[in-house]
Amino acid sequence: MTGAYTIGAICAPAAVVTVELAALRTGILRRRQFWVTIAITLAFQVAVDGWLTKLSAPIVVYRPAAITGFRWPWDIPVEDFGFAFAMITLTLALWERARHE
């Protein structure tokens, strides 16, 4: 499927935010600490993901038809940031929900 990774990178964060707002309702999206956590983890992602996906010597290679081809910063496919946000957010929301049960 053309753009499958791109579609997933758009749908995953939207689905996680929907699950948080409709079902989990932990309120993490309104917390400053959450956004600081996102910034810190994405900063580390840039360093690691940049090394893994650098076009000069890639360790991880993406099928060109699966992504937009837009890479920022360095050689990181922008889609990776959507998946990272979704994974971090869902993990923290589930953890927060379990903590209060």
N, C-alpha and C. Protein backbone atom coordinates (compact mmCIF):
# COMPACT_ATOMS: atom_id res chain seq x y z
N MET A 1 0.84 -1.18 0.00
CA MET A 1 0.00 0.00 0.00
C MET A 1 0.89 1.24 0.00
N THR A 2 0.62 2.12 -0.89
CA THR A 2 1.38 3.36 -0.97
C THR A 2 1.09 4.23 0.24
N GLY A 3 2.15 4.68 0.90
CA GLY A 3 2.01 5.56 2.04
C GLY A 3 1.52 4.89 3.30
N ALA A 4 1.64 3.58 3.40
CA ALA A 4 1.11 2.86 4.56
C ALA A 4 1.73 3.34 5.87
N TYR A 5 3.02 3.58 5.86
CA TYR A 5 3.69 4.05 7.08
C TYR A 5 3.22 5.46 7.42
N THR A 6 3.03 6.28 6.41
CA THR A 6 2.54 7.64 6.61
C THR A 6 1.13 7.62 7.18
N ILE A 7 0.27 6.79 6.64
CA ILE A 7 -1.10 6.69 7.14
C ILE A 7 -1.09 6.24 8.60
N GLY A 8 -0.29 5.26 8.92
CA GLY A 8 -0.17 4.79 10.30
C GLY A 8 0.35 5.86 11.23
N ALA A 9 1.31 6.65 10.74
CA ALA A 9 1.90 7.72 11.55
C ALA A 9 0.92 8.85 11.82
N ILE A 10 -0.09 8.97 11.00
CA ILE A 10 -1.13 9.96 11.23
C ILE A 10 -2.23 9.37 12.11
N CYS A 11 -2.61 8.14 11.83
CA CYS A 11 -3.72 7.50 12.56
C CYS A 11 -3.34 7.11 13.99
N ALA A 12 -2.12 6.66 14.21
CA ALA A 12 -1.72 6.21 15.55
C ALA A 12 -1.83 7.31 16.59
N PRO A 13 -1.26 8.50 16.37
CA PRO A 13 -1.43 9.55 17.38
C PRO A 13 -2.89 9.96 17.56
N ALA A 14 -3.63 10.03 16.46
CA ALA A 14 -5.05 10.40 16.55
C ALA A 14 -5.82 9.36 17.37
N ALA A 15 -5.53 8.09 17.14
CA ALA A 15 -6.20 7.02 17.89
C ALA A 15 -5.85 7.08 19.37
N VAL A 16 -4.59 7.30 19.68
CA VAL A 16 -4.16 7.36 21.08
C VAL A 16 -4.80 8.55 21.79
N VAL A 17 -4.82 9.70 21.14
CA VAL A 17 -5.45 10.88 21.75
C VAL A 17 -6.94 10.61 21.96
N THR A 18 -7.58 9.97 21.00
CA THR A 18 -9.00 9.63 21.13
C THR A 18 -9.23 8.68 22.30
N VAL A 19 -8.39 7.66 22.43
CA VAL A 19 -8.51 6.71 23.55
C VAL A 19 -8.30 7.43 24.87
N GLU A 20 -7.33 8.31 24.93
CA GLU A 20 -7.09 9.06 26.16
C GLU A 20 -8.30 9.93 26.52
N LEU A 21 -8.81 10.67 25.56
CA LEU A 21 -9.91 11.59 25.83
C LEU A 21 -11.24 10.89 26.08
N ALA A 22 -11.48 9.78 25.39
CA ALA A 22 -12.78 9.12 25.47
C ALA A 22 -12.85 8.01 26.51
N ALA A 23 -11.75 7.29 26.72
CA ALA A 23 -11.82 6.12 27.58
C ALA A 23 -10.95 6.23 28.83
N LEU A 24 -9.68 6.50 28.65
CA LEU A 24 -8.77 6.51 29.80
C LEU A 24 -8.98 7.73 30.69
N ARG A 25 -9.12 8.87 30.09
CA ARG A 25 -9.43 10.13 30.77
C ARG A 25 -8.50 10.41 31.96
N THR A 26 -7.19 10.28 31.73
CA THR A 26 -6.22 10.53 32.80
C THR A 26 -5.88 12.01 32.92
N GLY A 27 -6.13 12.76 31.87
CA GLY A 27 -5.82 14.19 31.89
C GLY A 27 -4.36 14.51 31.60
N ILE A 28 -3.59 13.51 31.16
CA ILE A 28 -2.16 13.78 30.95
C ILE A 28 -1.89 14.80 29.86
N LEU A 29 -2.78 14.90 28.88
CA LEU A 29 -2.55 15.83 27.78
C LEU A 29 -2.63 17.29 28.23
N ARG A 30 -3.19 17.53 29.39
CA ARG A 30 -3.28 18.89 29.92
C ARG A 30 -2.14 19.23 30.88
N ARG A 31 -1.27 18.27 31.12
CA ARG A 31 -0.21 18.49 32.11
C ARG A 31 1.09 18.95 31.46
N ARG A 32 1.67 19.94 32.07
CA ARG A 32 2.97 20.45 31.61
C ARG A 32 4.03 19.35 31.66
N GLN A 33 3.99 18.51 32.70
CA GLN A 33 4.98 17.44 32.85
C GLN A 33 4.95 16.48 31.67
N PHE A 34 3.77 16.23 31.15
CA PHE A 34 3.64 15.35 29.99
C PHE A 34 4.38 15.94 28.79
N TRP A 35 4.15 17.22 28.52
CA TRP A 35 4.76 17.86 27.36
C TRP A 35 6.27 18.00 27.53
N VAL A 36 6.74 18.18 28.75
CA VAL A 36 8.19 18.19 29.01
C VAL A 36 8.76 16.79 28.74
N THR A 37 8.03 15.77 29.17
CA THR A 37 8.46 14.39 28.90
C THR A 37 8.52 14.11 27.41
N ILE A 38 7.52 14.56 26.68
CA ILE A 38 7.52 14.38 25.22
C ILE A 38 8.73 15.07 24.61
N ALA A 39 9.02 16.29 25.02
CA ALA A 39 10.17 17.03 24.48
C ALA A 39 11.48 16.32 24.77
N ILE A 40 11.64 15.83 25.98
CA ILE A 40 12.88 15.12 26.35
C ILE A 40 13.03 13.84 25.54
N THR A 41 11.98 13.04 25.46
CA THR A 41 12.09 11.77 24.74
C THR A 41 12.28 11.99 23.24
N LEU A 42 11.63 13.01 22.68
CA LEU A 42 11.83 13.28 21.26
C LEU A 42 13.23 13.80 20.98
N ALA A 43 13.82 14.53 21.93
CA ALA A 43 15.20 14.98 21.76
C ALA A 43 16.15 13.79 21.67
N PHE A 44 15.93 12.80 22.52
CA PHE A 44 16.74 11.59 22.44
C PHE A 44 16.43 10.80 21.17
N GLN A 45 15.18 10.83 20.75
CA GLN A 45 14.81 10.14 19.51
C GLN A 45 15.57 10.72 18.33
N VAL A 46 15.72 12.03 18.29
CA VAL A 46 16.43 12.66 17.18
C VAL A 46 17.85 12.12 17.08
N ALA A 47 18.52 12.03 18.22
CA ALA A 47 19.90 11.52 18.20
C ALA A 47 19.96 10.07 17.73
N VAL A 48 19.12 9.22 18.30
CA VAL A 48 19.16 7.79 17.97
C VAL A 48 18.59 7.53 16.58
N ASP A 49 17.43 8.09 16.30
CA ASP A 49 16.78 7.86 15.01
C ASP A 49 17.61 8.45 13.87
N GLY A 50 18.23 9.61 14.14
CA GLY A 50 19.10 10.20 13.13
C GLY A 50 20.24 9.29 12.75
N TRP A 51 20.80 8.61 13.74
CA TRP A 51 21.89 7.67 13.49
C TRP A 51 21.38 6.43 12.76
N LEU A 52 20.21 5.94 13.15
CA LEU A 52 19.67 4.72 12.54
C LEU A 52 19.22 4.92 11.09
N THR A 53 18.75 6.12 10.76
CA THR A 53 18.15 6.33 9.44
C THR A 53 18.99 7.20 8.51
N LYS A 54 20.20 7.58 8.95
CA LYS A 54 21.02 8.47 8.10
C LYS A 54 21.20 7.86 6.72
N LEU A 55 20.99 8.67 5.73
CA LEU A 55 21.03 8.19 4.35
C LEU A 55 22.43 7.78 3.91
N SER A 56 23.45 8.30 4.55
CA SER A 56 24.82 7.96 4.17
C SER A 56 25.19 6.53 4.54
N ALA A 57 24.60 5.98 5.59
CA ALA A 57 24.86 4.61 6.01
C ALA A 57 23.70 4.12 6.87
N PRO A 58 22.54 3.89 6.26
CA PRO A 58 21.36 3.56 7.05
C PRO A 58 21.42 2.16 7.68
N ILE A 59 20.93 2.07 8.88
CA ILE A 59 20.73 0.78 9.53
C ILE A 59 19.29 0.35 9.31
N VAL A 60 18.39 1.32 9.36
CA VAL A 60 16.98 1.09 9.08
C VAL A 60 16.67 1.73 7.73
N VAL A 61 16.09 0.95 6.84
CA VAL A 61 15.76 1.44 5.51
C VAL A 61 14.25 1.36 5.32
N TYR A 62 13.67 2.42 4.81
CA TYR A 62 12.23 2.48 4.58
C TYR A 62 11.94 2.28 3.09
N ARG A 63 10.87 1.58 2.81
CA ARG A 63 10.43 1.43 1.43
C ARG A 63 9.94 2.79 0.97
N PRO A 64 10.51 3.36 -0.09
CA PRO A 64 10.15 4.71 -0.51
C PRO A 64 8.65 4.93 -0.71
N ALA A 65 7.94 3.94 -1.17
CA ALA A 65 6.50 4.10 -1.41
C ALA A 65 5.70 4.16 -0.11
N ALA A 66 6.30 3.74 1.01
CA ALA A 66 5.57 3.69 2.28
C ALA A 66 5.62 5.01 3.04
N ILE A 67 6.55 5.90 2.67
CA ILE A 67 6.72 7.16 3.40
C ILE A 67 6.60 8.35 2.45
N THR A 68 6.49 9.54 3.03
CA THR A 68 6.39 10.75 2.19
C THR A 68 7.73 11.10 1.55
N GLY A 69 8.81 10.69 2.20
CA GLY A 69 10.13 11.07 1.72
C GLY A 69 10.65 12.33 2.38
N PHE A 70 9.78 13.00 3.15
CA PHE A 70 10.21 14.20 3.87
C PHE A 70 10.94 13.76 5.12
N ARG A 71 12.17 14.22 5.25
CA ARG A 71 13.01 13.84 6.39
C ARG A 71 13.49 15.09 7.09
N TRP A 72 13.28 15.11 8.43
CA TRP A 72 13.71 16.25 9.22
C TRP A 72 13.80 15.85 10.68
N PRO A 73 14.68 16.30 11.47
CA PRO A 73 15.95 16.88 11.03
C PRO A 73 16.88 15.77 10.56
N TRP A 74 17.95 16.15 9.98
CA TRP A 74 18.89 15.22 9.37
C TRP A 74 18.16 14.33 8.40
N ASP A 75 18.17 13.04 8.62
CA ASP A 75 17.56 12.11 7.68
C ASP A 75 16.42 11.31 8.30
N ILE A 76 15.79 11.86 9.31
CA ILE A 76 14.73 11.13 10.01
C ILE A 76 13.40 11.31 9.27
N PRO A 77 12.76 10.19 8.87
CA PRO A 77 11.44 10.31 8.26
C PRO A 77 10.47 10.93 9.27
N VAL A 78 9.73 11.94 8.86
CA VAL A 78 8.84 12.64 9.78
C VAL A 78 7.80 11.70 10.39
N GLU A 79 7.49 10.63 9.69
CA GLU A 79 6.52 9.67 10.21
C GLU A 79 6.96 9.07 11.55
N ASP A 80 8.25 8.94 11.75
CA ASP A 80 8.74 8.35 13.00
C ASP A 80 8.29 9.14 14.22
N PHE A 81 8.11 10.44 14.08
CA PHE A 81 7.70 11.26 15.21
C PHE A 81 6.25 11.00 15.61
N GLY A 82 5.40 10.70 14.64
CA GLY A 82 4.01 10.36 14.96
C GLY A 82 3.91 9.08 15.75
N PHE A 83 4.67 8.07 15.32
CA PHE A 83 4.67 6.81 16.05
C PHE A 83 5.27 6.96 17.43
N ALA A 84 6.32 7.75 17.55
CA ALA A 84 6.95 7.97 18.87
C ALA A 84 5.96 8.65 19.81
N PHE A 85 5.28 9.68 19.33
CA PHE A 85 4.29 10.36 20.17
C PHE A 85 3.21 9.38 20.62
N ALA A 86 2.73 8.56 19.70
CA ALA A 86 1.67 7.60 20.04
C ALA A 86 2.14 6.60 21.07
N MET A 87 3.33 6.05 20.90
CA MET A 87 3.84 5.05 21.84
C MET A 87 4.07 5.64 23.22
N ILE A 88 4.68 6.81 23.28
CA ILE A 88 4.96 7.45 24.56
C ILE A 88 3.66 7.82 25.26
N THR A 89 2.75 8.41 24.53
CA THR A 89 1.49 8.87 25.11
C THR A 89 0.65 7.70 25.62
N LEU A 90 0.52 6.65 24.82
CA LEU A 90 -0.28 5.51 25.24
C LEU A 90 0.34 4.83 26.47
N THR A 91 1.64 4.68 26.47
CA THR A 91 2.31 4.07 27.61
C THR A 91 2.07 4.88 28.89
N LEU A 92 2.27 6.18 28.81
CA LEU A 92 2.08 7.03 29.99
C LEU A 92 0.62 7.07 30.44
N ALA A 93 -0.30 7.10 29.50
CA ALA A 93 -1.72 7.14 29.85
C ALA A 93 -2.15 5.83 30.52
N LEU A 94 -1.70 4.70 29.97
CA LEU A 94 -2.04 3.41 30.58
C LEU A 94 -1.40 3.27 31.96
N TRP A 95 -0.19 3.74 32.09
CA TRP A 95 0.50 3.69 33.37
C TRP A 95 -0.24 4.55 34.40
N GLU A 96 -0.62 5.73 33.98
CA GLU A 96 -1.35 6.63 34.87
C GLU A 96 -2.70 6.04 35.26
N ARG A 97 -3.37 5.44 34.31
CA ARG A 97 -4.67 4.82 34.60
C ARG A 97 -4.50 3.66 35.59
N ALA A 98 -3.49 2.82 35.38
CA ALA A 98 -3.24 1.68 36.28
C ALA A 98 -2.87 2.16 37.67
N ARG A 99 -2.19 3.26 37.75
CA ARG A 99 -1.75 3.81 39.04
C ARG A 99 -2.95 4.23 39.89
N HIS A 100 -4.03 4.62 39.26
CA HIS A 100 -5.21 5.09 39.98
C HIS A 100 -6.31 4.05 40.13
N GLU A 101 -6.05 2.83 39.73
CA GLU A 101 -7.07 1.79 39.87
C GLU A 101 -6.88 1.02 41.15
